[in-house]
Amino acid sequence: MPNKCSYCQEVRPAGGTKTLVLNDGELWIEFCPPCGDGSTITNAETGESLTVKQLYDRSAVGKRH
């Protein structure tokens, strides 16, 4: 089954996207490599901005893959 990026809406081959899960599972963001490197998310409490890929890499899921 193909994967679809939440940002660019591009359909990728199976395994072509990754999923970042935030807020204890309330928010799931599926992203492709270009969008993961180019899209940022800002923490409302700290003001820290990171790319989606940086957040994914910091997450427990990212560390297991």
Protein backbone atom coordinates (compact mmCIF):
# COMPACT_ATOMS: atom_id res chain seq x y z
CA MET A 1 0.00 0.00 0.00
CA PRO A 2 1.46 3.41 -0.90
CA ASN A 3 2.03 6.09 1.69
CA LYS A 4 0.87 9.71 1.39
CA CYS A 5 2.82 12.67 2.77
CA SER A 6 0.77 14.92 5.06
CA TYR A 7 2.55 18.01 3.73
CA CYS A 8 2.89 17.71 -0.06
CA GLN A 9 0.13 15.08 -0.46
CA GLU A 10 2.48 13.15 -2.75
CA VAL A 11 1.81 9.41 -2.87
CA ARG A 12 5.04 7.51 -2.26
CA PRO A 13 5.88 3.83 -2.68
CA ALA A 14 5.40 1.61 0.36
CA GLY A 15 7.94 2.58 3.00
CA GLY A 16 8.52 5.94 1.34
CA THR A 17 7.22 7.94 4.28
CA LYS A 18 7.76 7.96 8.03
CA THR A 19 5.26 8.80 10.75
CA LEU A 20 5.95 11.20 13.61
CA VAL A 21 3.60 10.67 16.56
CA LEU A 22 3.17 13.59 18.97
CA ASN A 23 1.06 14.54 21.99
CA ASP A 24 0.86 11.01 23.40
CA GLY A 25 -0.56 9.63 20.15
CA GLU A 26 -3.10 12.38 19.48
CA LEU A 27 -1.25 13.78 16.44
CA TRP A 28 0.20 11.61 13.66
CA ILE A 29 2.23 13.28 10.89
CA GLU A 30 3.21 11.18 7.87
CA PHE A 31 6.08 12.78 5.95
CA CYS A 32 8.37 12.13 2.99
CA PRO A 33 12.11 12.91 3.12
CA PRO A 34 11.96 16.32 1.36
CA CYS A 35 9.11 17.55 3.54
CA GLY A 36 10.66 16.13 6.71
CA ASP A 37 13.81 18.15 6.05
CA GLY A 38 11.98 21.31 5.04
CA SER A 39 8.98 21.52 7.38
CA THR A 40 9.37 22.79 10.94
CA ILE A 41 7.31 22.46 14.08
CA THR A 42 7.59 24.94 16.95
CA ASN A 43 7.08 23.95 20.58
CA ALA A 44 4.48 26.39 21.93
CA GLU A 45 5.88 26.16 25.48
CA THR A 46 9.61 26.55 24.75
CA GLY A 47 9.63 28.31 21.37
CA GLU A 48 12.10 25.72 20.04
CA SER A 49 11.73 25.01 16.30
CA LEU A 50 12.91 21.77 14.74
CA THR A 51 12.34 20.08 11.42
CA VAL A 52 9.91 17.19 11.35
CA LYS A 53 12.83 14.83 10.67
CA GLN A 54 14.78 16.18 13.66
CA LEU A 55 11.76 15.57 15.90
CA TYR A 56 11.30 12.10 14.43
CA ASP A 57 14.98 11.28 15.03
CA ARG A 58 14.66 12.42 18.66
CA SER A 59 11.54 10.35 19.29
CA ALA A 60 11.61 6.85 20.71
CA VAL A 61 10.15 5.52 17.44
CA GLY A 62 12.88 7.18 15.41
CA LYS A 63 15.57 5.66 17.62
CA ARG A 64 14.18 2.14 17.14
CA HIS A 65 14.22 2.29 13.32
